[in-house]
Amino acid sequence: MVNRGGQALVEFAMALVVILMLIFGVVEFGRIVLVYNGIANGARIGARYAITNSSPPNATSVTNANVSTIQTNVQTVVKNFLAPTTVNINAAGLSITTTFPNKSCTGSISTSTCSGTSAGNPVQVTVSYPYDLLIPYYPINITLSNTSEGIITW
């Protein structure tokens, strides 16, 4: 009889490597989906803030400075939303863009009046994040991004 204890150990080690790679891949893919959902929800929260706070009630015009303030406020709202999540999102890596597709401003920069930022016009919030791997073994380089759009209500 030949002793084959060493052969079983080698086969187990080879199979264990493949199984662990598969398990870690599933965990990483699940985390990608979790981070993407967080990014998508952040874009929705930013768009919701933008559509309800873009133009003050009874305003005849919005200045370019107000648009800049709105964009800054949307960034703050999205970062505050994503900060306490269980997903490990680094706020420094977030890119948050608020755009008003119909916006056109007239006048000088400091006193310009902007149209397209009043009720009934669209606003878009785009959130993107370069995904950082939990397990750096896999050579994945992904930027997760989502855009949410709404119509300014007032």
Protein backbone atom coordinates (compact mmCIF):
# COMPACT_ATOMS: atom_id res chain seq x y z
CA MET A 1 0.00 0.00 0.00
CA VAL A 2 1.15 3.46 -0.91
CA ASN A 3 0.63 6.35 1.51
CA ARG A 4 -1.18 9.19 -0.31
CA GLY A 5 -1.63 11.67 2.58
CA GLY A 6 0.61 14.25 0.92
CA GLN A 7 -1.31 14.10 -2.35
CA ALA A 8 -4.60 14.90 -0.60
CA LEU A 9 -2.97 17.87 1.15
CA VAL A 10 -1.70 19.30 -2.16
CA GLU A 11 -5.08 18.83 -3.84
CA PHE A 12 -6.83 20.49 -0.90
CA ALA A 13 -4.43 23.48 -1.03
CA MET A 14 -5.00 23.94 -4.76
CA ALA A 15 -8.78 23.71 -4.40
CA LEU A 16 -8.75 26.05 -1.38
CA VAL A 17 -7.01 28.80 -3.37
CA VAL A 18 -9.65 28.63 -6.11
CA ILE A 19 -12.54 28.54 -3.63
CA LEU A 20 -11.17 31.50 -1.63
CA MET A 21 -10.70 33.54 -4.81
CA LEU A 22 -14.30 32.79 -5.75
CA ILE A 23 -15.62 33.72 -2.29
CA PHE A 24 -13.63 36.97 -2.17
CA GLY A 25 -14.82 37.81 -5.70
CA VAL A 26 -18.44 37.38 -4.63
CA VAL A 27 -17.84 39.58 -1.57
CA GLU A 28 -16.18 42.26 -3.71
CA PHE A 29 -19.00 42.20 -6.27
CA GLY A 30 -21.57 42.51 -3.49
CA ARG A 31 -19.70 45.51 -2.11
CA ILE A 32 -19.62 47.14 -5.56
CA VAL A 33 -23.41 46.82 -5.75
CA LEU A 34 -23.74 48.25 -2.22
CA VAL A 35 -21.54 51.27 -3.01
CA TYR A 36 -23.39 51.85 -6.30
CA ASN A 37 -26.72 51.86 -4.47
CA GLY A 38 -25.30 54.39 -2.02
CA ILE A 39 -24.11 56.60 -4.92
CA ALA A 40 -27.51 56.32 -6.63
CA ASN A 41 -29.35 57.23 -3.44
CA GLY A 42 -26.97 60.16 -2.89
CA ALA A 43 -27.76 61.47 -6.39
CA ARG A 44 -31.49 61.15 -5.68
CA ILE A 45 -31.17 62.99 -2.36
CA GLY A 46 -29.17 65.77 -4.06
CA ALA A 47 -31.72 66.11 -6.85
CA ARG A 48 -34.55 66.18 -4.33
CA TYR A 49 -32.83 68.98 -2.43
CA ALA A 50 -32.14 70.88 -5.66
CA ILE A 51 -35.71 70.71 -6.96
CA THR A 52 -37.16 72.01 -3.71
CA ASN A 53 -34.53 74.67 -2.93
CA SER A 54 -33.39 76.04 -6.29
CA SER A 55 -35.48 79.18 -6.51
CA PRO A 56 -37.04 81.08 -3.65
CA PRO A 57 -40.82 81.50 -3.74
CA ASN A 58 -42.07 84.47 -5.76
CA ALA A 59 -38.59 85.16 -7.13
CA THR A 60 -38.53 86.80 -10.54
CA SER A 61 -34.89 85.92 -11.18
CA VAL A 62 -32.02 83.96 -9.71
CA THR A 63 -28.47 85.30 -9.79
CA ASN A 64 -25.39 83.35 -10.78
CA ALA A 65 -24.19 83.59 -7.15
CA ASN A 66 -27.40 81.88 -6.00
CA VAL A 67 -26.80 79.06 -8.47
CA SER A 68 -23.30 78.61 -7.05
CA THR A 69 -24.74 78.50 -3.52
CA ILE A 70 -27.29 75.88 -4.60
CA GLN A 71 -24.50 73.75 -6.09
CA THR A 72 -22.48 74.01 -2.86
CA ASN A 73 -25.53 73.14 -0.75
CA VAL A 74 -26.29 70.08 -2.90
CA GLN A 75 -22.70 68.88 -2.42
CA THR A 76 -23.05 69.28 1.35
CA VAL A 77 -26.38 67.42 1.42
CA VAL A 78 -25.01 64.50 -0.62
CA LYS A 79 -21.81 64.24 1.46
CA ASN A 80 -23.81 64.35 4.70
CA PHE A 81 -26.10 61.62 3.35
CA LEU A 82 -23.24 59.34 2.33
CA ALA A 83 -21.05 59.95 5.41
CA PRO A 84 -22.87 57.77 7.96
CA THR A 85 -23.58 54.86 5.63
CA THR A 86 -22.15 51.43 6.30
CA VAL A 87 -20.40 51.65 2.94
CA ASN A 88 -16.87 52.92 3.37
CA ILE A 89 -17.08 55.92 0.99
CA ASN A 90 -14.30 58.46 1.21
CA ALA A 91 -15.95 61.89 0.86
CA ALA A 92 -12.75 63.31 -0.65
CA GLY A 93 -13.13 60.96 -3.63
CA LEU A 94 -16.71 61.98 -4.40
CA SER A 95 -17.44 64.12 -7.42
CA ILE A 96 -20.81 65.88 -7.19
CA THR A 97 -22.03 68.00 -10.10
CA THR A 98 -25.25 69.99 -10.19
CA THR A 99 -26.35 71.32 -13.57
CA PHE A 100 -29.31 73.26 -14.84
CA PRO A 101 -29.65 72.19 -18.51
CA ASN A 102 -31.79 75.22 -19.47
CA LYS A 103 -29.69 77.78 -17.57
CA SER A 104 -28.58 80.92 -19.33
CA CYS A 105 -27.23 83.96 -17.54
CA THR A 106 -27.07 87.56 -18.74
CA GLY A 107 -25.08 90.47 -17.36
CA SER A 108 -21.75 90.55 -15.55
CA ILE A 109 -20.70 87.64 -13.37
CA SER A 110 -21.43 89.36 -10.08
CA THR A 111 -24.82 90.77 -11.08
CA SER A 112 -25.94 88.28 -13.70
CA THR A 113 -29.53 87.13 -13.85
CA CYS A 114 -30.08 83.48 -14.72
CA SER A 115 -33.06 81.95 -16.43
CA GLY A 116 -33.70 78.22 -16.43
CA THR A 117 -33.35 77.96 -12.65
CA SER A 118 -36.97 78.69 -11.84
CA ALA A 119 -39.94 76.38 -11.31
CA GLY A 120 -40.68 74.02 -14.19
CA ASN A 121 -37.05 73.73 -15.35
CA PRO A 122 -34.94 70.58 -14.96
CA VAL A 123 -31.98 70.13 -12.64
CA GLN A 124 -29.50 67.25 -12.78
CA VAL A 125 -27.26 65.93 -10.00
CA THR A 126 -24.44 63.56 -10.92
CA VAL A 127 -22.46 61.72 -8.26
CA SER A 128 -19.39 59.69 -9.18
CA TYR A 129 -16.90 57.81 -7.05
CA PRO A 130 -13.73 55.89 -7.96
CA TYR A 131 -14.33 52.51 -6.34
CA ASP A 132 -11.57 51.36 -4.01
CA LEU A 133 -11.20 47.63 -3.62
CA LEU A 134 -11.70 45.94 -0.27
CA ILE A 135 -9.39 43.15 -1.43
CA PRO A 136 -6.69 44.66 -3.68
CA TYR A 137 -5.88 41.29 -5.30
CA TYR A 138 -8.28 41.84 -8.19
CA PRO A 139 -7.12 44.35 -10.85
CA ILE A 140 -10.41 46.25 -11.05
CA ASN A 141 -10.48 49.99 -11.74
CA ILE A 142 -14.10 51.19 -11.69
CA THR A 143 -15.67 54.62 -11.35
CA LEU A 144 -19.25 54.30 -10.16
CA SER A 145 -21.55 57.10 -11.33
CA ASN A 146 -25.23 57.92 -11.25
CA THR A 147 -27.30 60.88 -12.43
CA SER A 148 -30.66 61.89 -11.06
CA GLU A 149 -32.89 64.55 -12.63
CA GLY A 150 -35.94 66.38 -11.42
CA ILE A 151 -38.10 69.37 -12.23
CA ILE A 152 -37.77 72.40 -9.98
CA THR A 153 -41.00 72.68 -8.02
CA TRP A 154 -40.77 76.25 -6.74
